[in-house]
Protein backbone atom coordinates (compact mmCIF):
# COMPACT_ATOMS: atom_id res chain seq x y z
CA SER A 1 72.91 80.39 98.04
CA ASN A 2 70.58 80.95 95.15
CA GLY A 3 67.76 82.58 97.11
CA SER A 4 66.80 86.17 96.40
CA ASN A 5 68.44 88.53 98.91
CA ALA A 6 69.78 85.58 100.91
CA ASP A 7 72.99 85.89 102.91
CA ILE A 8 75.82 83.43 102.35
CA ASN A 9 77.19 82.10 105.62
CA ILE A 10 80.44 80.16 105.76
CA THR A 11 80.93 78.42 109.09
CA PRO A 12 83.65 75.79 109.46
CA GLN A 13 83.14 72.91 111.88
CA GLY A 14 85.22 72.41 115.03
CA THR A 15 88.58 74.18 114.90
CA GLY A 16 88.53 74.55 111.11
CA ALA A 17 89.17 77.90 109.43
CA THR A 18 87.52 79.59 106.49
CA VAL A 19 90.05 79.44 103.64
CA ILE A 20 89.84 81.38 100.40
CA SER A 21 92.18 79.73 97.91
CA ASN A 22 92.14 82.51 95.35
CA SER A 23 94.31 85.52 96.24
CA ASP A 24 91.45 87.94 95.39
CA ILE A 25 88.30 89.01 97.23
CA ASN A 26 85.98 91.43 95.43
CA PHE A 27 83.45 93.76 97.01
CA ASP A 28 81.40 96.48 95.36
CA GLY A 29 83.95 99.29 94.98
CA ALA A 30 86.89 97.52 96.66
CA ARG A 31 89.16 94.53 96.08
CA ILE A 32 91.52 92.74 98.50
CA THR A 33 94.53 90.95 97.03
CA TYR A 34 97.52 89.05 98.41
CA GLY A 35 100.87 89.27 96.65
CA THR A 36 104.59 88.80 97.00
CA ALA A 37 107.70 90.26 95.40
CA THR A 38 111.40 89.53 95.86
CA THR A 39 114.27 91.93 95.22
CA THR A 40 117.95 91.06 94.90
CA SER A 41 119.47 94.52 94.59
CA SER A 42 119.30 97.89 96.25
CA SER A 43 117.86 99.45 93.07
CA ALA A 44 114.24 100.57 92.68
CA ALA A 45 111.83 97.76 91.81
CA ASN A 46 108.07 97.38 91.51
CA ILE A 47 106.40 95.38 94.25
CA ASP A 48 102.92 95.92 92.79
CA THR A 49 100.91 97.81 90.17
CA PHE A 50 97.24 98.62 89.69
CA ALA A 51 95.22 100.26 86.89
CA SER A 52 94.89 104.01 87.47
CA ALA A 53 91.68 104.19 85.40
CA THR A 54 90.03 101.55 87.60
CA TYR A 55 91.32 102.27 91.11
CA ARG A 56 91.83 105.63 92.87
CA SER A 57 93.64 104.56 96.03
CA ALA A 58 95.13 101.62 97.87
CA LYS A 59 96.20 100.54 101.32
CA TYR A 60 98.97 97.98 101.75
CA GLN A 61 100.19 95.95 104.69
CA VAL A 62 103.71 94.81 103.78
CA SER A 63 105.84 92.27 105.62
CA ILE A 64 109.56 92.51 104.82
CA VAL A 65 112.05 89.68 105.35
CA ASP A 66 115.77 90.01 104.66
CA SER A 67 116.82 86.58 105.93
CA THR A 68 120.43 87.01 104.76
CA ASN A 69 120.94 89.86 107.24
CA THR A 70 118.30 88.62 109.71
CA LYS A 71 116.12 91.74 109.42
CA PHE A 72 112.34 91.86 109.62
CA GLY A 73 109.73 94.59 109.41
CA ILE A 74 106.15 95.51 108.71
CA TYR A 75 104.85 98.62 106.96
CA GLU A 76 101.55 100.21 106.04
CA LEU A 77 101.47 102.07 102.75
CA PHE A 78 98.77 104.50 101.66
CA VAL A 79 98.70 105.28 97.93
CA THR A 80 96.45 107.60 95.94
CA HIS A 81 96.62 109.38 92.60
CA ASP A 82 94.99 112.19 90.64
CA GLY A 83 95.35 110.59 87.21
CA SER A 84 98.73 112.24 86.53
CA SER A 85 100.76 111.78 89.71
CA ALA A 86 100.78 109.19 92.48
CA TYR A 87 101.30 109.93 96.17
CA ILE A 88 102.43 107.59 98.95
CA ASN A 89 102.78 107.61 102.71
CA ALA A 90 104.65 104.76 104.42
CA VAL A 91 104.65 103.97 108.13
CA GLY A 92 106.50 101.03 109.58
CA ILE A 93 108.70 99.36 112.10
CA SER A 94 111.56 96.89 111.93
CA ASP A 95 113.45 94.78 114.40
CA THR A 96 116.50 97.03 113.91
CA GLY A 97 114.62 100.28 114.53
CA GLU A 98 115.72 101.50 111.09
CA ASP A 99 113.74 101.55 107.85
CA LEU A 100 114.39 98.43 105.78
CA ALA A 101 113.24 100.06 102.56
CA THR A 102 112.16 103.31 100.95
CA PHE A 103 108.81 103.24 99.14
CA SER A 104 107.63 105.44 96.27
CA ALA A 105 104.74 105.53 93.80
CA ASP A 106 104.29 106.83 90.27
CA ILE A 107 102.09 106.36 87.22
CA ASP A 108 103.55 104.63 84.17
CA SER A 109 101.58 103.60 81.06
CA GLY A 110 98.22 103.81 82.88
CA SER A 111 99.35 101.86 85.95
CA VAL A 112 100.12 103.08 89.44
CA ARG A 113 103.42 101.49 90.39
CA VAL A 114 104.34 100.91 94.02
CA ARG A 115 108.12 100.85 94.09
CA VAL A 116 110.70 99.95 96.71
CA VAL A 117 114.41 100.46 97.29
CA PRO A 118 115.67 97.99 99.93
CA ILE A 119 118.53 99.05 102.20
CA SER A 120 120.63 96.07 101.09
CA ASP A 121 121.22 94.07 97.92
CA ALA A 122 120.46 90.82 99.75
CA SER A 123 117.41 88.85 98.65
CA THR A 124 114.48 90.61 100.33
CA VAL A 125 110.92 89.27 100.28
CA PHE A 126 107.93 91.64 100.38
CA LYS A 127 104.61 89.94 101.17
CA PHE A 128 101.56 92.18 101.07
CA VAL A 129 97.83 92.45 101.40
CA ARG A 130 96.43 95.22 99.20
CA THR A 131 93.01 96.83 99.36
CA VAL A 132 92.19 98.98 96.31
CA PHE A 133 89.20 101.28 95.94
CA THR A 134 87.54 102.09 92.62
CA VAL A 135 87.64 105.50 90.98
C-alpha cells in the first residue's frame, strides 16, 4: 500500500498460507527472528547472540532434536541484561522427562550470548524463534 495511514492486508486465496521468506519480521521496538544451531559435543556453545546496546531482552521458543539418541524437547527461554550481566530462565519439557540441555547467558564483546550445553555429544539441532525488544 502506498496510501497515507492505510493498512496492509495479506489474504491468501483458498487454502494458501501467508509465507514470509525472510527469517526476520520487524516491528517498532521488537523483532522476530528464526534461527538454527547444531552442536556436536557436550561443551558450551552459542545458539544465538544479539547486540546488548540495541536489545534489552529476548524470549525464545527452542525445539531440540537429538536424532542419534531419539530425544526431543521444547523450551522457552527468557533472557534480559543490565548492560554488564545477562540473566536467563529456561522452562521446558522433553520426551524423556529429563532436561536435554542446560542454557546460560552472558555478555561478551557487546553481545548477549545465549549458550547451551547438551546432555550428550551427539549431533543436536536447536531450532528457535526469537523475539527481541529494544533498549
